[in-house]
């Protein structure tokens, strides 16, 4: 997907450190080609830098990342009031109830499990994006 200045497009930030997972997420978002513009950050620190430069309509974030994980990023987003009103969806391999609960407490509106079943992940991600962005 290419960046454009088209005001009608929704803007999504994908925060993912693993190249394969980032690429697969981008492929799932191709369903919305023409309706969305996507930026990718490789960790929470890079995401915070982008959030200071651009407004996003939706944030898709992994929890387990180097340098700054998803939890730390959400805490700093709140502290700096960066994009705190934007729907934030967690994309993770974690099945821990404590991770899910903590993510919700820190502002995540939804949680998509990155299962080994790529078709199921794609379907769940697309449905969740549609639900929170009304594309």
Protein backbone atom coordinates (compact mmCIF):
# COMPACT_ATOMS: atom_id res chain seq x y z
CA UNK A 1 0.00 0.00 0.00
CA UNK A 2 1.27 3.42 -0.82
CA UNK A 3 1.07 6.57 1.20
CA UNK A 4 -1.21 9.26 -0.16
CA UNK A 5 -2.66 12.51 1.07
CA UNK A 6 -6.19 11.44 0.20
CA UNK A 7 -8.33 12.79 3.05
CA UNK A 8 -11.00 10.11 2.50
CA UNK A 9 -8.64 7.31 3.43
CA UNK A 10 -8.41 5.96 6.96
CA UNK A 11 -4.89 5.71 8.37
CA UNK A 12 -3.73 2.57 10.20
CA UNK A 13 -0.55 2.13 12.22
CA UNK A 14 0.80 -1.43 12.42
CA UNK A 15 3.30 -1.92 15.26
CA UNK A 16 5.07 -5.24 14.72
CA UNK A 17 8.71 -6.26 15.12
CA UNK A 18 8.64 -9.56 13.21
CA UNK A 19 8.91 -9.03 9.43
CA UNK A 20 6.79 -12.10 8.61
CA UNK A 21 3.99 -11.03 10.96
CA UNK A 22 4.13 -7.45 9.70
CA UNK A 23 3.94 -8.63 6.09
CA UNK A 24 1.07 -10.99 6.82
CA UNK A 25 -0.82 -8.21 8.59
CA UNK A 26 -0.28 -5.94 5.58
CA UNK A 27 -1.55 -8.69 3.27
CA UNK A 28 -4.70 -9.05 5.39
CA UNK A 29 -5.22 -5.28 5.13
CA UNK A 30 -5.04 -5.43 1.31
CA UNK A 31 -8.76 -6.18 1.46
CA UNK A 32 -9.16 -2.49 2.28
CA UNK A 33 -6.87 -1.27 -0.53
CA UNK A 34 -8.01 2.16 -1.65
CA UNK A 35 -9.75 2.83 1.67
CA UNK A 36 -6.75 2.79 4.00
CA UNK A 37 -3.22 4.06 4.21
CA UNK A 38 -0.85 2.01 6.38
CA UNK A 39 2.34 2.93 8.26
CA UNK A 40 4.50 0.30 9.98
CA UNK A 41 6.59 0.75 13.12
CA UNK A 42 9.01 -2.00 14.21
CA UNK A 43 8.59 -1.39 17.95
CA UNK A 44 6.84 0.82 20.49
CA UNK A 45 9.49 3.53 20.36
CA UNK A 46 9.15 3.93 16.59
CA UNK A 47 5.36 3.91 16.99
CA UNK A 48 5.46 6.80 19.48
CA UNK A 49 7.62 8.81 17.07
CA UNK A 50 5.10 8.24 14.26
CA UNK A 51 2.17 9.13 16.55
CA UNK A 52 3.74 12.52 17.18
CA UNK A 53 3.94 13.13 13.42
CA UNK A 54 0.64 11.78 12.11
CA UNK A 55 -2.89 11.06 13.29
CA UNK A 56 -4.03 7.44 12.98
CA UNK A 57 -7.60 6.14 12.80
CA UNK A 58 -6.66 2.69 14.08
CA UNK A 59 -3.60 1.11 15.73
CA UNK A 60 -2.76 -2.60 15.44
CA UNK A 61 -0.02 -3.49 17.93
CA UNK A 62 1.93 -6.57 18.97
CA UNK A 63 2.60 -6.99 22.69
CA UNK A 64 6.01 -8.66 22.70
CA UNK A 65 8.59 -6.43 21.01
CA UNK A 66 12.19 -5.44 21.68
CA UNK A 67 13.24 -2.04 22.99
CA UNK A 68 9.68 -1.10 24.01
CA UNK A 69 6.83 -3.61 24.21
CA UNK A 70 3.14 -3.01 23.65
CA UNK A 71 2.34 -2.49 27.32
CA UNK A 72 5.05 0.15 27.76
CA UNK A 73 3.87 1.83 24.56
CA UNK A 74 0.27 2.01 25.77
CA UNK A 75 1.39 3.48 29.11
CA UNK A 76 3.39 6.19 27.35
CA UNK A 77 0.58 6.88 24.87
CA UNK A 78 -1.68 7.63 27.85
CA UNK A 79 0.95 9.71 29.63
CA UNK A 80 1.63 11.84 26.58
CA UNK A 81 -2.02 11.74 25.46
CA UNK A 82 -0.94 10.42 22.08
CA UNK A 83 -3.73 8.84 20.04
CA UNK A 84 -5.48 7.82 23.27
CA UNK A 85 -8.86 8.26 21.61
CA UNK A 86 -7.97 5.97 18.68
CA UNK A 87 -9.09 2.32 18.70
CA UNK A 88 -6.10 0.13 19.55
CA UNK A 89 -6.23 -3.56 18.71
CA UNK A 90 -3.68 -6.00 20.10
CA UNK A 91 -2.23 -8.60 17.71
CA UNK A 92 -0.39 -11.27 19.69
CA UNK A 93 0.49 -14.93 20.14
CA UNK A 94 -0.16 -14.66 23.87
CA UNK A 95 -3.01 -16.74 25.26
CA UNK A 96 -2.52 -15.40 28.78
CA UNK A 97 -5.68 -14.01 30.36
CA UNK A 98 -3.48 -11.56 32.31
CA UNK A 99 -2.08 -10.12 29.06
CA UNK A 100 -5.58 -9.70 27.64
CA UNK A 101 -6.86 -8.05 30.83
CA UNK A 102 -3.87 -5.72 31.16
CA UNK A 103 -4.18 -4.69 27.50
CA UNK A 104 -7.85 -3.80 28.04
CA UNK A 105 -7.01 -1.84 31.20
CA UNK A 106 -4.44 0.14 29.22
CA UNK A 107 -6.92 1.02 26.50
CA UNK A 108 -7.02 -1.80 23.94
CA UNK A 109 -10.50 -2.18 22.44
CA UNK A 110 -9.93 -5.64 21.00
CA UNK A 111 -7.49 -8.54 20.92
CA UNK A 112 -6.72 -10.70 17.86
CA UNK A 113 -4.74 -13.89 18.40
CA UNK A 114 -2.01 -14.54 15.81
CA UNK A 115 -2.77 -18.23 15.51
CA UNK A 116 -0.81 -20.69 13.42
CA UNK A 117 -3.87 -20.82 11.17
CA UNK A 118 -3.13 -17.92 8.84
CA UNK A 119 -6.56 -17.98 7.21
CA UNK A 120 -8.24 -17.68 10.61
CA UNK A 121 -5.93 -14.81 11.61
CA UNK A 122 -6.66 -12.98 8.34
CA UNK A 123 -10.41 -13.42 8.77
CA UNK A 124 -10.38 -12.33 12.43
CA UNK A 125 -8.20 -9.30 11.69
CA UNK A 126 -10.35 -8.16 8.78
CA UNK A 127 -13.56 -8.51 10.81
CA UNK A 128 -12.03 -6.61 13.75
CA UNK A 129 -10.77 -3.78 11.52
CA UNK A 130 -14.20 -3.47 9.91
CA UNK A 131 -15.86 -3.42 13.32
CA UNK A 132 -13.70 -0.62 14.71
CA UNK A 133 -13.23 1.48 11.56
CA UNK A 134 -16.55 0.97 9.82
CA UNK A 135 -14.89 0.62 6.42
